[in-house]
Amino acid sequence: MPPIDPRQLAAFLGQDIKQARAALVVTQAEALCRAVVDPLPEGAGAAVLSVAARAYANAQGLAAETVGPYSVQPPGAQAGRPPRGVPGAGRANEKTPRAAVSVGL
């Protein structure tokens, strides 16, 4: 059983979500966390939820976007750092599972 489900992701984001997309994002977030720590420790749902929320909220992995004179940076994005590989798999997400393990979650 996954540590979180799409309903928890919706509650965390505070918005309605597309169930199929959310299920995929949660599955991928869990896989990313398992790539760092397997098996996932008890309480790892917080780390999976954090990774899933970042990926769902910024699916294209944008650090910033400029159109004409306007520029926008998504919340949590780091300007100057291009996304690597999978949306939501940036440096912050690399640290999340390790931090959960180091505090015994």
C-alpha atoms as a PDB file:
ATOM      1  CA  MET A   1       0.000   0.000   0.000  1.00  0.00           C
ATOM      2  CA  PRO A   2       1.439   3.403  -0.968  1.00  0.00           C
ATOM      3  CA  PRO A   3       2.233   5.776   1.892  1.00  0.00           C
ATOM      4  CA  ILE A   4      -0.199   8.369   0.478  1.00  0.00           C
ATOM      5  CA  ASP A   5      -3.100   8.463  -1.960  1.00  0.00           C
ATOM      6  CA  PRO A   6      -4.439  11.122  -4.356  1.00  0.00           C
ATOM      7  CA  ARG A   7      -7.020  12.354  -1.803  1.00  0.00           C
ATOM      8  CA  GLN A   8      -4.221  13.256   0.606  1.00  0.00           C
ATOM      9  CA  LEU A   9      -2.419  15.086  -2.198  1.00  0.00           C
ATOM     10  CA  ALA A  10      -5.597  17.070  -2.954  1.00  0.00           C
ATOM     11  CA  ALA A  11      -5.986  17.990   0.722  1.00  0.00           C
ATOM     12  CA  PHE A  12      -2.327  19.023   0.975  1.00  0.00           C
ATOM     13  CA  LEU A  13      -2.550  21.202  -2.145  1.00  0.00           C
ATOM     14  CA  GLY A  14      -5.922  22.606  -1.084  1.00  0.00           C
ATOM     15  CA  GLN A  15      -7.419  22.213  -4.533  1.00  0.00           C
ATOM     16  CA  ASP A  16      -9.436  19.882  -6.710  1.00  0.00           C
ATOM     17  CA  ILE A  17      -7.199  17.520  -8.638  1.00  0.00           C
ATOM     18  CA  LYS A  18      -7.423  15.183 -11.591  1.00  0.00           C
ATOM     19  CA  GLN A  19      -7.471  11.718 -10.010  1.00  0.00           C
ATOM     20  CA  ALA A  20      -5.608   9.889 -12.793  1.00  0.00           C
ATOM     21  CA  ARG A  21      -2.838  12.495 -12.917  1.00  0.00           C
ATOM     22  CA  ALA A  22      -2.589  12.587  -9.127  1.00  0.00           C
ATOM     23  CA  ALA A  23      -2.342   8.789  -8.936  1.00  0.00           C
ATOM     24  CA  LEU A  24       0.501   8.829 -11.469  1.00  0.00           C
ATOM     25  CA  VAL A  25       2.333  11.629  -9.643  1.00  0.00           C
ATOM     26  CA  VAL A  26       1.986   9.841  -6.291  1.00  0.00           C
ATOM     27  CA  THR A  27       3.284   6.585  -7.804  1.00  0.00           C
ATOM     28  CA  GLN A  28       6.262   8.358  -9.355  1.00  0.00           C
ATOM     29  CA  ALA A  29       6.995  10.290  -6.147  1.00  0.00           C
ATOM     30  CA  GLU A  30       7.029   7.046  -4.189  1.00  0.00           C
ATOM     31  CA  ALA A  31       9.389   5.490  -6.765  1.00  0.00           C
ATOM     32  CA  LEU A  32      11.755   8.484  -6.478  1.00  0.00           C
ATOM     33  CA  CYS A  33      11.785   8.171  -2.685  1.00  0.00           C
ATOM     34  CA  ARG A  34      12.370   4.406  -2.906  1.00  0.00           C
ATOM     35  CA  ALA A  35      15.356   5.087  -5.164  1.00  0.00           C
ATOM     36  CA  VAL A  36      16.935   6.834  -2.175  1.00  0.00           C
ATOM     37  CA  VAL A  37      15.645   4.671   0.706  1.00  0.00           C
ATOM     38  CA  ASP A  38      14.124   1.209   0.264  1.00  0.00           C
ATOM     39  CA  PRO A  39      12.097   0.049   2.014  1.00  0.00           C
ATOM     40  CA  LEU A  40      10.500   3.338   2.945  1.00  0.00           C
ATOM     41  CA  PRO A  41      10.522   3.809   6.710  1.00  0.00           C
ATOM     42  CA  GLU A  42       7.389   4.275   8.758  1.00  0.00           C
ATOM     43  CA  GLY A  43       6.143   7.821   8.348  1.00  0.00           C
ATOM     44  CA  ALA A  44       7.756   8.317   4.923  1.00  0.00           C
ATOM     45  CA  GLY A  45       4.402   9.504   3.628  1.00  0.00           C
ATOM     46  CA  ALA A  46       5.417  13.087   4.471  1.00  0.00           C
ATOM     47  CA  ALA A  47       8.449  12.854   2.174  1.00  0.00           C
ATOM     48  CA  VAL A  48       6.412  11.217  -0.615  1.00  0.00           C
ATOM     49  CA  LEU A  49       3.702  13.853  -0.213  1.00  0.00           C
ATOM     50  CA  SER A  50       6.261  16.664  -0.464  1.00  0.00           C
ATOM     51  CA  VAL A  51       7.765  15.228  -3.652  1.00  0.00           C
ATOM     52  CA  ALA A  52       4.318  14.572  -5.171  1.00  0.00           C
ATOM     53  CA  ALA A  53       3.053  18.068  -4.346  1.00  0.00           C
ATOM     54  CA  ARG A  54       6.046  19.727  -6.012  1.00  0.00           C
ATOM     55  CA  ALA A  55       5.644  17.577  -9.117  1.00  0.00           C
ATOM     56  CA  TYR A  56       1.870  18.106  -9.319  1.00  0.00           C
ATOM     57  CA  ALA A  57       2.039  21.870  -8.786  1.00  0.00           C
ATOM     58  CA  ASN A  58       4.888  22.349 -11.285  1.00  0.00           C
ATOM     59  CA  ALA A  59       4.450  19.491 -13.759  1.00  0.00           C
ATOM     60  CA  GLN A  60       6.677  21.055 -16.408  1.00  0.00           C
ATOM     61  CA  GLY A  61       9.519  21.574 -13.968  1.00  0.00           C
ATOM     62  CA  LEU A  62       9.694  25.280 -14.766  1.00  0.00           C
ATOM     63  CA  ALA A  63      12.208  27.376 -12.897  1.00  0.00           C
ATOM     64  CA  ALA A  64      10.930  30.581 -14.517  1.00  0.00           C
ATOM     65  CA  GLU A  65       9.021  31.679 -17.592  1.00  0.00           C
ATOM     66  CA  THR A  66       9.238  34.976 -19.443  1.00  0.00           C
ATOM     67  CA  VAL A  67       6.761  36.284 -22.001  1.00  0.00           C
ATOM     68  CA  GLY A  68       7.521  39.746 -23.308  1.00  0.00           C
ATOM     69  CA  PRO A  69       8.209  42.070 -20.388  1.00  0.00           C
ATOM     70  CA  TYR A  70       6.602  39.700 -17.848  1.00  0.00           C
ATOM     71  CA  SER A  71       8.403  37.019 -15.871  1.00  0.00           C
ATOM     72  CA  VAL A  72       7.039  34.523 -13.362  1.00  0.00           C
ATOM     73  CA  GLN A  73       8.688  32.008 -11.080  1.00  0.00           C
ATOM     74  CA  PRO A  74       6.547  29.150  -9.700  1.00  0.00           C
ATOM     75  CA  PRO A  75       6.516  28.789  -5.908  1.00  0.00           C
ATOM     76  CA  GLY A  76       9.426  26.648  -4.765  1.00  0.00           C
ATOM     77  CA  ALA A  77      11.302  26.917  -8.079  1.00  0.00           C
ATOM     78  CA  GLN A  78      14.960  27.779  -8.050  1.00  0.00           C
ATOM     79  CA  ALA A  79      15.911  30.213 -10.789  1.00  0.00           C
ATOM     80  CA  GLY A  80      19.091  29.347 -12.601  1.00  0.00           C
ATOM     81  CA  ARG A  81      18.780  25.618 -11.901  1.00  0.00           C
ATOM     82  CA  PRO A  82      17.257  23.687 -14.761  1.00  0.00           C
ATOM     83  CA  PRO A  83      15.057  20.723 -13.790  1.00  0.00           C
ATOM     84  CA  ARG A  84      16.786  17.349 -14.018  1.00  0.00           C
ATOM     85  CA  GLY A  85      15.086  14.309 -15.501  1.00  0.00           C
ATOM     86  CA  VAL A  86      11.698  14.074 -13.847  1.00  0.00           C
ATOM     87  CA  PRO A  87       9.580  17.062 -12.818  1.00  0.00           C
ATOM     88  CA  GLY A  88       9.795  17.376  -9.054  1.00  0.00           C
ATOM     89  CA  ALA A  89      13.136  15.558  -8.860  1.00  0.00           C
ATOM     90  CA  GLY A  90      15.246  18.586  -8.018  1.00  0.00           C
ATOM     91  CA  ARG A  91      17.740  19.077  -5.207  1.00  0.00           C
ATOM     92  CA  ALA A  92      15.039  19.730  -2.614  1.00  0.00           C
ATOM     93  CA  ASN A  93      13.412  16.397  -3.412  1.00  0.00           C
ATOM     94  CA  GLU A  94      16.735  14.579  -3.246  1.00  0.00           C
ATOM     95  CA  LYS A  95      17.136  15.790   0.338  1.00  0.00           C
ATOM     96  CA  THR A  96      13.552  15.060   1.479  1.00  0.00           C
ATOM     97  CA  PRO A  97      13.784  11.230   1.783  1.00  0.00           C
ATOM     98  CA  ARG A  98      17.258  11.410   3.341  1.00  0.00           C
ATOM     99  CA  ALA A  99      16.064  13.956   5.889  1.00  0.00           C
ATOM    100  CA  ALA A 100      13.108  11.731   6.802  1.00  0.00           C
ATOM    101  CA  VAL A 101      15.452   8.818   7.441  1.00  0.00           C
ATOM    102  CA  SER A 102      17.920  10.877   9.464  1.00  0.00           C
ATOM    103  CA  VAL A 103      15.210  11.923  11.915  1.00  0.00           C
ATOM    104  CA  GLY A 104      13.781   8.416  12.131  1.00  0.00           C
ATOM    105  CA  LEU A 105      10.553   8.875  10.158  1.00  0.00           C
END
